[in-house]
Amino acid sequence: MRFVAFSFNIYISKKVGAEALGAFSLIMSVYMFFITIATSGINIAVTRIIVEKTAFLEHTDTRFAMRKCFIYSLVFGIFACLLLCAFSKSITNFFVKNQVSYYVFYFIGISLPFISMSSCLNGYFSALRKNGKNAISRVFEQTLKMIATSLFFSLFMPSRCLLCLPIFSIR
């Protein structure tokens, strides 16, 4: 999986160039900071709570606890999204130095509640020792990201190679 991610990064750098890759890395740094706010340790907390509940065979309490954790993760995800959207102009001007439009942060902010809820579910499956589902979802997520990016490049950068797979871009 790491080899595919490495290949994908090479693919992106060849497609967009050095300047856009620099802006991309700045945006991703800000994005990762807000992901930290959105998830706020929910993965570990859910794992601990669910393991504790299942150890004492409290299945009704497990459902109730999971529901509360899910609501908690949704609230923090929405909070991080609103925080990112509220300060997107300031972030663009002071940290990214206005290389990109602040609208980018609006678009990536939408994903924060979903990432937070996904982290909650990952903690639940880790507690139940069903890590295969986590692995399958991560492989699916990476595959979907690569396909969507390749499709995006083929639609908005038509002068380049259409739908090149990242693995084939290594020489």
N, C-alpha and C. Protein backbone atom coordinates (compact mmCIF):
# COMPACT_ATOMS: atom_id res chain seq x y z
N MET A 1 0.83 -1.19 0.00
CA MET A 1 0.00 0.00 0.00
C MET A 1 0.88 1.26 0.00
N ARG A 2 1.97 1.22 0.73
CA ARG A 2 2.86 2.39 0.75
C ARG A 2 3.52 2.62 -0.60
N PHE A 3 3.82 1.54 -1.31
CA PHE A 3 4.40 1.67 -2.64
C PHE A 3 3.41 2.35 -3.58
N VAL A 4 2.15 1.98 -3.48
CA VAL A 4 1.14 2.58 -4.34
C VAL A 4 0.98 4.07 -3.99
N ALA A 5 0.99 4.40 -2.69
CA ALA A 5 0.89 5.80 -2.29
C ALA A 5 2.10 6.59 -2.77
N PHE A 6 3.28 5.99 -2.67
CA PHE A 6 4.50 6.63 -3.16
C PHE A 6 4.41 6.87 -4.67
N SER A 7 3.95 5.86 -5.40
CA SER A 7 3.79 5.98 -6.85
C SER A 7 2.78 7.06 -7.20
N PHE A 8 1.72 7.14 -6.41
CA PHE A 8 0.69 8.14 -6.65
C PHE A 8 1.25 9.55 -6.44
N ASN A 9 2.09 9.73 -5.43
CA ASN A 9 2.71 11.04 -5.21
C ASN A 9 3.63 11.43 -6.36
N ILE A 10 4.33 10.46 -6.92
CA ILE A 10 5.16 10.73 -8.10
C ILE A 10 4.28 11.15 -9.27
N TYR A 11 3.18 10.45 -9.44
CA TYR A 11 2.23 10.76 -10.50
C TYR A 11 1.71 12.20 -10.37
N ILE A 12 1.34 12.58 -9.15
CA ILE A 12 0.82 13.93 -8.93
C ILE A 12 1.89 14.97 -9.21
N SER A 13 3.11 14.71 -8.75
CA SER A 13 4.18 15.70 -8.96
C SER A 13 4.50 15.88 -10.44
N LYS A 14 4.39 14.81 -11.22
CA LYS A 14 4.62 14.94 -12.67
C LYS A 14 3.49 15.68 -13.35
N LYS A 15 2.29 15.52 -12.85
CA LYS A 15 1.14 16.16 -13.48
C LYS A 15 1.04 17.65 -13.19
N VAL A 16 1.27 18.06 -11.95
CA VAL A 16 0.97 19.44 -11.58
C VAL A 16 2.19 20.35 -11.52
N GLY A 17 3.37 19.82 -11.38
CA GLY A 17 4.57 20.64 -11.32
C GLY A 17 4.95 21.03 -9.91
N ALA A 18 6.10 21.65 -9.79
CA ALA A 18 6.69 21.94 -8.48
C ALA A 18 5.91 23.01 -7.71
N GLU A 19 5.49 24.07 -8.39
CA GLU A 19 4.79 25.15 -7.70
C GLU A 19 3.45 24.69 -7.14
N ALA A 20 2.69 23.98 -7.94
CA ALA A 20 1.39 23.48 -7.47
C ALA A 20 1.57 22.43 -6.39
N LEU A 21 2.63 21.64 -6.47
CA LEU A 21 2.90 20.64 -5.44
C LEU A 21 3.24 21.31 -4.12
N GLY A 22 3.95 22.42 -4.15
CA GLY A 22 4.24 23.18 -2.94
C GLY A 22 2.97 23.73 -2.30
N ALA A 23 2.10 24.29 -3.12
CA ALA A 23 0.82 24.80 -2.61
C ALA A 23 -0.03 23.65 -2.06
N PHE A 24 0.02 22.52 -2.74
CA PHE A 24 -0.72 21.34 -2.30
C PHE A 24 -0.23 20.88 -0.93
N SER A 25 1.08 20.88 -0.72
CA SER A 25 1.61 20.44 0.56
C SER A 25 1.24 21.42 1.68
N LEU A 26 1.20 22.71 1.39
CA LEU A 26 0.76 23.68 2.39
C LEU A 26 -0.71 23.48 2.75
N ILE A 27 -1.52 23.26 1.74
CA ILE A 27 -2.94 23.03 1.98
C ILE A 27 -3.15 21.75 2.79
N MET A 28 -2.41 20.71 2.44
CA MET A 28 -2.56 19.44 3.16
C MET A 28 -2.09 19.55 4.61
N SER A 29 -1.11 20.40 4.89
CA SER A 29 -0.68 20.61 6.28
C SER A 29 -1.80 21.24 7.10
N VAL A 30 -2.44 22.24 6.54
CA VAL A 30 -3.57 22.87 7.22
C VAL A 30 -4.71 21.87 7.38
N TYR A 31 -4.96 21.11 6.34
CA TYR A 31 -6.03 20.10 6.35
C TYR A 31 -5.78 19.05 7.44
N MET A 32 -4.55 18.59 7.56
CA MET A 32 -4.22 17.59 8.58
C MET A 32 -4.40 18.16 9.99
N PHE A 33 -4.11 19.44 10.17
CA PHE A 33 -4.33 20.07 11.46
C PHE A 33 -5.81 20.04 11.82
N PHE A 34 -6.67 20.35 10.85
CA PHE A 34 -8.10 20.36 11.12
C PHE A 34 -8.67 18.94 11.24
N ILE A 35 -8.04 17.98 10.61
CA ILE A 35 -8.42 16.57 10.83
C ILE A 35 -8.13 16.18 12.27
N THR A 36 -7.02 16.66 12.80
CA THR A 36 -6.69 16.40 14.20
C THR A 36 -7.75 16.98 15.13
N ILE A 37 -8.23 18.17 14.83
CA ILE A 37 -9.30 18.77 15.63
C ILE A 37 -10.59 17.96 15.47
N ALA A 38 -10.88 17.55 14.24
CA ALA A 38 -12.14 16.83 13.98
C ALA A 38 -12.17 15.46 14.65
N THR A 39 -11.06 14.75 14.62
CA THR A 39 -11.06 13.40 15.20
C THR A 39 -10.83 13.44 16.69
N SER A 40 -9.98 14.33 17.15
CA SER A 40 -9.72 14.61 18.57
C SER A 40 -9.64 13.36 19.45
N GLY A 41 -8.97 12.34 19.00
CA GLY A 41 -8.75 11.13 19.80
C GLY A 41 -9.94 10.20 19.92
N ILE A 42 -10.94 10.38 19.07
CA ILE A 42 -12.16 9.58 19.18
C ILE A 42 -11.89 8.10 18.89
N ASN A 43 -10.93 7.82 18.03
CA ASN A 43 -10.62 6.44 17.69
C ASN A 43 -10.20 5.65 18.93
N ILE A 44 -9.27 6.18 19.69
CA ILE A 44 -8.78 5.49 20.89
C ILE A 44 -9.86 5.45 21.97
N ALA A 45 -10.60 6.53 22.11
CA ALA A 45 -11.66 6.58 23.12
C ALA A 45 -12.74 5.54 22.83
N VAL A 46 -13.15 5.44 21.58
CA VAL A 46 -14.17 4.45 21.22
C VAL A 46 -13.66 3.04 21.45
N THR A 47 -12.42 2.80 21.06
CA THR A 47 -11.84 1.47 21.26
C THR A 47 -11.86 1.10 22.74
N ARG A 48 -11.44 2.01 23.58
CA ARG A 48 -11.39 1.73 25.02
C ARG A 48 -12.79 1.51 25.60
N ILE A 49 -13.73 2.35 25.23
CA ILE A 49 -15.09 2.24 25.76
C ILE A 49 -15.75 0.94 25.31
N ILE A 50 -15.63 0.61 24.04
CA ILE A 50 -16.28 -0.59 23.52
C ILE A 50 -15.64 -1.86 24.08
N VAL A 51 -14.32 -1.87 24.23
CA VAL A 51 -13.66 -3.03 24.83
C VAL A 51 -14.13 -3.21 26.26
N GLU A 52 -14.25 -2.13 26.97
CA GLU A 52 -14.72 -2.20 28.36
C GLU A 52 -16.14 -2.73 28.44
N LYS A 53 -17.00 -2.26 27.56
CA LYS A 53 -18.40 -2.70 27.58
C LYS A 53 -18.55 -4.16 27.14
N THR A 54 -17.81 -4.56 26.12
CA THR A 54 -17.94 -5.95 25.66
C THR A 54 -17.27 -6.93 26.62
N ALA A 55 -16.30 -6.48 27.41
CA ALA A 55 -15.66 -7.37 28.39
C ALA A 55 -16.65 -7.77 29.48
N PHE A 56 -17.56 -6.87 29.81
CA PHE A 56 -18.56 -7.16 30.83
C PHE A 56 -19.90 -7.60 30.21
N LEU A 57 -19.89 -7.90 28.91
CA LEU A 57 -21.07 -8.36 28.17
C LEU A 57 -22.27 -7.42 28.32
N GLU A 58 -22.02 -6.14 28.25
CA GLU A 58 -23.05 -5.12 28.33
C GLU A 58 -23.39 -4.64 26.92
N HIS A 59 -24.08 -5.47 26.15
CA HIS A 59 -24.32 -5.16 24.74
C HIS A 59 -25.27 -3.98 24.55
N THR A 60 -26.25 -3.82 25.45
CA THR A 60 -27.14 -2.66 25.29
C THR A 60 -26.38 -1.38 25.62
N ASP A 61 -25.49 -1.45 26.61
CA ASP A 61 -24.67 -0.29 26.92
C ASP A 61 -23.68 0.00 25.79
N THR A 62 -23.26 -1.05 25.08
CA THR A 62 -22.34 -0.87 23.96
C THR A 62 -23.01 -0.05 22.86
N ARG A 63 -24.24 -0.37 22.56
CA ARG A 63 -24.97 0.38 21.54
C ARG A 63 -25.16 1.83 21.96
N PHE A 64 -25.53 2.02 23.22
CA PHE A 64 -25.74 3.37 23.73
C PHE A 64 -24.43 4.16 23.71
N ALA A 65 -23.34 3.54 24.13
CA ALA A 65 -22.04 4.21 24.13
C ALA A 65 -21.60 4.53 22.72
N MET A 66 -21.83 3.63 21.80
CA MET A 66 -21.44 3.86 20.40
C MET A 66 -22.24 5.00 19.80
N ARG A 67 -23.51 5.06 20.15
CA ARG A 67 -24.35 6.15 19.66
C ARG A 67 -23.83 7.50 20.18
N LYS A 68 -23.47 7.54 21.47
CA LYS A 68 -22.93 8.78 22.04
C LYS A 68 -21.59 9.16 21.39
N CYS A 69 -20.74 8.17 21.18
CA CYS A 69 -19.45 8.44 20.54
C CYS A 69 -19.63 8.93 19.11
N PHE A 70 -20.61 8.37 18.42
CA PHE A 70 -20.88 8.77 17.05
C PHE A 70 -21.36 10.22 17.01
N ILE A 71 -22.23 10.59 17.95
CA ILE A 71 -22.71 11.98 18.02
C ILE A 71 -21.55 12.91 18.38
N TYR A 72 -20.72 12.49 19.30
CA TYR A 72 -19.54 13.28 19.69
C TYR A 72 -18.64 13.53 18.48
N SER A 73 -18.38 12.48 17.72
CA SER A 73 -17.51 12.63 16.55
C SER A 73 -18.15 13.52 15.50
N LEU A 74 -19.44 13.42 15.32
CA LEU A 74 -20.15 14.28 14.37
C LEU A 74 -20.08 15.75 14.79
N VAL A 75 -20.26 16.01 16.07
CA VAL A 75 -20.20 17.39 16.58
C VAL A 75 -18.81 17.98 16.38
N PHE A 76 -17.77 17.20 16.72
CA PHE A 76 -16.42 17.71 16.54
C PHE A 76 -16.05 17.86 15.07
N GLY A 77 -16.55 16.98 14.22
CA GLY A 77 -16.31 17.11 12.78
C GLY A 77 -16.96 18.34 12.21
N ILE A 78 -18.19 18.61 12.62
CA ILE A 78 -18.89 19.82 12.16
C ILE A 78 -18.21 21.07 12.72
N PHE A 79 -17.78 21.01 13.98
CA PHE A 79 -17.08 22.13 14.58
C PHE A 79 -15.80 22.44 13.81
N ALA A 80 -15.02 21.42 13.49
CA ALA A 80 -13.78 21.63 12.73
C ALA A 80 -14.07 22.18 11.34
N CYS A 81 -15.15 21.70 10.73
CA CYS A 81 -15.54 22.20 9.40
C CYS A 81 -15.90 23.68 9.46
N LEU A 82 -16.71 24.05 10.45
CA LEU A 82 -17.10 25.45 10.59
C LEU A 82 -15.91 26.34 10.93
N LEU A 83 -15.01 25.81 11.75
CA LEU A 83 -13.81 26.56 12.10
C LEU A 83 -12.93 26.80 10.88
N LEU A 84 -12.75 25.76 10.07
CA LEU A 84 -11.96 25.90 8.85
C LEU A 84 -12.61 26.88 7.88
N CYS A 85 -13.92 26.77 7.71
CA CYS A 85 -14.61 27.69 6.79
C CYS A 85 -14.59 29.13 7.30
N ALA A 86 -14.72 29.31 8.61
CA ALA A 86 -14.73 30.66 9.17
C ALA A 86 -13.38 31.35 9.03
N PHE A 87 -12.30 30.59 9.14
CA PHE A 87 -10.97 31.19 9.10
C PHE A 87 -10.23 30.91 7.79
N SER A 88 -10.93 30.49 6.77
CA SER A 88 -10.26 30.13 5.51
C SER A 88 -9.56 31.32 4.86
N LYS A 89 -10.16 32.50 4.90
CA LYS A 89 -9.50 33.67 4.30
C LYS A 89 -8.22 34.03 5.06
N SER A 90 -8.29 33.98 6.38
CA SER A 90 -7.11 34.30 7.19
C SER A 90 -6.02 33.27 6.97
N ILE A 91 -6.40 32.01 6.92
CA ILE A 91 -5.42 30.94 6.70
C ILE A 91 -4.75 31.11 5.34
N THR A 92 -5.55 31.43 4.34
CA THR A 92 -5.00 31.62 2.99
C THR A 92 -4.04 32.80 2.95
N ASN A 93 -4.39 33.89 3.60
CA ASN A 93 -3.54 35.09 3.56
C ASN A 93 -2.27 34.96 4.40
N PHE A 94 -2.37 34.36 5.59
CA PHE A 94 -1.23 34.36 6.51
C PHE A 94 -0.35 33.13 6.41
N PHE A 95 -0.94 31.96 6.16
CA PHE A 95 -0.15 30.73 6.17
C PHE A 95 0.21 30.26 4.77
N VAL A 96 -0.75 30.29 3.87
CA VAL A 96 -0.51 29.82 2.51
C VAL A 96 0.01 30.96 1.64
N LYS A 97 -0.03 32.16 2.14
CA LYS A 97 0.44 33.37 1.45
C LYS A 97 -0.30 33.60 0.13
N ASN A 98 -1.60 33.31 0.15
CA ASN A 98 -2.51 33.61 -0.96
C ASN A 98 -2.07 33.00 -2.29
N GLN A 99 -1.46 31.84 -2.26
CA GLN A 99 -1.12 31.14 -3.49
C GLN A 99 -2.34 30.48 -4.11
N VAL A 100 -3.31 30.19 -3.28
CA VAL A 100 -4.53 29.53 -3.75
C VAL A 100 -5.74 30.31 -3.24
N SER A 101 -6.85 30.02 -3.81
CA SER A 101 -8.08 30.63 -3.37
C SER A 101 -8.55 30.01 -2.06
N TYR A 102 -9.22 30.78 -1.25
CA TYR A 102 -9.71 30.27 0.02
C TYR A 102 -10.88 29.31 -0.16
N TYR A 103 -11.45 29.25 -1.36
CA TYR A 103 -12.54 28.32 -1.62
C TYR A 103 -12.11 26.86 -1.50
N VAL A 104 -10.84 26.60 -1.69
CA VAL A 104 -10.31 25.24 -1.55
C VAL A 104 -10.61 24.72 -0.15
N PHE A 105 -10.47 25.57 0.85
CA PHE A 105 -10.71 25.15 2.22
C PHE A 105 -12.18 24.86 2.48
N TYR A 106 -13.07 25.54 1.77
CA TYR A 106 -14.49 25.22 1.88
C TYR A 106 -14.75 23.79 1.39
N PHE A 107 -14.14 23.45 0.27
CA PHE A 107 -14.37 22.14 -0.31
C PHE A 107 -13.80 21.02 0.55
N ILE A 108 -12.58 21.21 1.06
CA ILE A 108 -12.00 20.15 1.87
C ILE A 108 -12.60 20.11 3.28
N GLY A 109 -13.17 21.23 3.72
CA GLY A 109 -13.82 21.25 5.03
C GLY A 109 -15.04 20.37 5.10
N ILE A 110 -15.68 20.16 3.97
CA ILE A 110 -16.88 19.31 3.92
C ILE A 110 -16.56 17.89 4.36
N SER A 111 -15.35 17.44 4.14
CA SER A 111 -15.00 16.06 4.46
C SER A 111 -14.73 15.83 5.94
N LEU A 112 -14.54 16.87 6.73
CA LEU A 112 -14.15 16.71 8.12
C LEU A 112 -15.17 15.94 8.98
N PRO A 113 -16.47 16.20 8.89
CA PRO A 113 -17.41 15.38 9.67
C PRO A 113 -17.37 13.90 9.28
N PHE A 114 -17.18 13.63 8.01
CA PHE A 114 -17.14 12.24 7.55
C PHE A 114 -15.87 11.53 8.03
N ILE A 115 -14.76 12.25 8.04
CA ILE A 115 -13.52 11.68 8.54
C ILE A 115 -13.64 11.39 10.03
N SER A 116 -14.27 12.28 10.75
CA SER A 116 -14.46 12.09 12.18
C SER A 116 -15.34 10.87 12.47
N MET A 117 -16.43 10.73 11.74
CA MET A 117 -17.31 9.57 11.94
C MET A 117 -16.61 8.28 11.51
N SER A 118 -15.80 8.36 10.48
CA SER A 118 -15.04 7.19 10.05
C SER A 118 -14.04 6.77 11.12
N SER A 119 -13.43 7.73 11.77
CA SER A 119 -12.50 7.42 12.86
C SER A 119 -13.23 6.74 14.01
N CYS A 120 -14.44 7.16 14.27
CA CYS A 120 -15.26 6.54 15.30
C CYS A 120 -15.56 5.08 14.95
N LEU A 121 -15.93 4.84 13.71
CA LEU A 121 -16.20 3.47 13.27
C LEU A 121 -14.95 2.61 13.27
N ASN A 122 -13.81 3.19 12.92
CA ASN A 122 -12.55 2.44 12.96
C ASN A 122 -12.22 2.01 14.38
N GLY A 123 -12.48 2.88 15.35
CA GLY A 123 -12.27 2.52 16.74
C GLY A 123 -13.18 1.40 17.18
N TYR A 124 -14.41 1.41 16.70
CA TYR A 124 -15.37 0.36 17.03
C TYR A 124 -14.91 -0.99 16.47
N PHE A 125 -14.52 -1.01 15.21
CA PHE A 125 -14.08 -2.27 14.61
C PHE A 125 -12.75 -2.75 15.20
N SER A 126 -11.90 -1.83 15.61
CA SER A 126 -10.67 -2.24 16.28
C SER A 126 -10.97 -2.88 17.63
N ALA A 127 -11.95 -2.34 18.33
CA ALA A 127 -12.33 -2.91 19.63
C ALA A 127 -12.89 -4.31 19.49
N LEU A 128 -13.60 -4.55 18.40
CA LEU A 128 -14.18 -5.88 18.17
C LEU A 128 -13.21 -6.83 17.47
N ARG A 129 -11.99 -6.34 17.24
CA ARG A 129 -10.93 -7.10 16.57
C ARG A 129 -11.34 -7.53 15.17
N LYS A 130 -12.00 -6.64 14.47
CA LYS A 130 -12.37 -6.85 13.07
C LYS A 130 -11.56 -5.88 12.22
N ASN A 131 -10.26 -6.02 12.31
CA ASN A 131 -9.37 -5.09 11.61
C ASN A 131 -9.36 -5.32 10.10
N GLY A 132 -9.85 -6.44 9.64
CA GLY A 132 -9.94 -6.69 8.20
C GLY A 132 -10.84 -5.68 7.52
N LYS A 133 -11.92 -5.30 8.19
CA LYS A 133 -12.83 -4.30 7.62
C LYS A 133 -12.15 -2.94 7.51
N ASN A 134 -11.33 -2.61 8.50
CA ASN A 134 -10.57 -1.35 8.43
C ASN A 134 -9.61 -1.38 7.26
N ALA A 135 -8.92 -2.50 7.09
CA ALA A 135 -7.93 -2.60 6.00
C ALA A 135 -8.62 -2.51 4.65
N ILE A 136 -9.74 -3.19 4.49
CA ILE A 136 -10.47 -3.15 3.22
C ILE A 136 -10.97 -1.73 2.93
N SER A 137 -11.46 -1.04 3.96
CA SER A 137 -11.96 0.32 3.73
C SER A 137 -10.82 1.27 3.36
N ARG A 138 -9.64 1.07 3.93
CA ARG A 138 -8.51 1.95 3.59
C ARG A 138 -8.02 1.69 2.17
N VAL A 139 -7.99 0.44 1.75
CA VAL A 139 -7.60 0.12 0.38
C VAL A 139 -8.62 0.71 -0.59
N PHE A 140 -9.90 0.57 -0.27
CA PHE A 140 -10.96 1.13 -1.11
C PHE A 140 -10.84 2.64 -1.17
N GLU A 141 -10.56 3.27 -0.03
CA GLU A 141 -10.42 4.72 0.02
C GLU A 141 -9.26 5.21 -0.84
N GLN A 142 -8.12 4.54 -0.75
CA GLN A 142 -6.96 4.92 -1.55
C GLN A 142 -7.22 4.72 -3.04
N THR A 143 -7.85 3.62 -3.39
CA THR A 143 -8.17 3.35 -4.79
C THR A 143 -9.12 4.40 -5.34
N LEU A 144 -10.14 4.73 -4.56
CA LEU A 144 -11.10 5.75 -4.99
C LEU A 144 -10.42 7.10 -5.14
N LYS A 145 -9.50 7.44 -4.23
CA LYS A 145 -8.78 8.71 -4.32
C LYS A 145 -7.93 8.77 -5.58
N MET A 146 -7.26 7.67 -5.92
CA MET A 146 -6.42 7.66 -7.11
C MET A 146 -7.26 7.76 -8.38
N ILE A 147 -8.37 7.06 -8.42
CA ILE A 147 -9.24 7.11 -9.60
C ILE A 147 -9.84 8.50 -9.76
N ALA A 148 -10.31 9.09 -8.66
CA ALA A 148 -10.92 10.42 -8.73
C ALA A 148 -9.89 11.47 -9.17
N THR A 149 -8.68 11.36 -8.66
CA THR A 149 -7.64 12.31 -9.04
C THR A 149 -7.26 12.15 -10.51
N SER A 150 -7.13 10.92 -10.95
CA SER A 150 -6.81 10.68 -12.36
C SER A 150 -7.92 11.19 -13.26
N LEU A 151 -9.15 10.98 -12.85
CA LEU A 151 -10.29 11.48 -13.62
C LEU A 151 -10.30 13.01 -13.64
N PHE A 152 -10.02 13.62 -12.50
CA PHE A 152 -9.96 15.07 -12.41
C PHE A 152 -8.88 15.62 -13.35
N PHE A 153 -7.72 14.99 -13.35
CA PHE A 153 -6.64 15.43 -14.23
C PHE A 153 -7.02 15.26 -15.70
N SER A 154 -7.70 14.18 -16.02
CA SER A 154 -8.06 13.96 -17.43
C SER A 154 -9.11 14.96 -17.90
N LEU A 155 -9.97 15.41 -16.99
CA LEU A 155 -11.00 16.37 -17.37
C LEU A 155 -10.48 17.80 -17.44
N PHE A 156 -9.61 18.17 -16.51
CA PHE A 156 -9.17 19.57 -16.42
C PHE A 156 -7.76 19.80 -16.92
N MET A 157 -7.06 18.75 -17.28
CA MET A 157 -5.71 18.88 -17.85
C MET A 157 -5.64 18.00 -19.09
N PRO A 158 -6.40 18.31 -20.13
CA PRO A 158 -6.50 17.41 -21.28
C PRO A 158 -5.24 17.30 -22.12
N SER A 159 -4.30 18.21 -21.96
CA SER A 159 -3.10 18.15 -22.80
C SER A 159 -2.15 17.05 -22.34
N ARG A 160 -2.38 16.49 -21.18
CA ARG A 160 -1.52 15.44 -20.65
C ARG A 160 -2.14 14.08 -20.90
N CYS A 161 -1.48 13.06 -20.40
CA CYS A 161 -1.92 11.67 -20.54
C CYS A 161 -3.26 11.46 -19.87
N LEU A 162 -4.20 10.81 -20.55
CA LEU A 162 -5.52 10.58 -20.01
C LEU A 162 -5.54 9.33 -19.13
N LEU A 163 -6.04 9.51 -17.92
CA LEU A 163 -6.23 8.41 -16.97
C LEU A 163 -5.01 7.51 -16.82
N CYS A 164 -3.84 8.10 -16.71
CA CYS A 164 -2.63 7.31 -16.46
C CYS A 164 -2.69 6.76 -15.05
N LEU A 165 -2.44 5.51 -14.91
CA LEU A 165 -2.41 4.92 -13.58
C LEU A 165 -1.10 5.28 -12.92
N PRO A 166 -1.13 5.56 -11.62
CA PRO A 166 0.10 5.98 -10.94
C PRO A 166 1.21 4.95 -11.01
N ILE A 167 0.89 3.70 -11.05
CA ILE A 167 1.91 2.65 -11.07
C ILE A 167 2.69 2.70 -12.38
N PHE A 168 2.03 3.05 -13.46
CA PHE A 168 2.69 3.07 -14.76
C PHE A 168 3.49 4.34 -15.01
N SER A 169 3.40 5.31 -14.09
CA SER A 169 4.12 6.56 -14.32
C SER A 169 5.56 6.50 -13.82
N ILE A 170 5.94 5.43 -13.18
CA ILE A 170 7.32 5.27 -12.70
C ILE A 170 8.18 4.75 -13.84
N ARG A 171 9.35 5.35 -14.01
CA ARG A 171 10.25 4.91 -15.07
C ARG A 171 11.47 4.29 -14.52
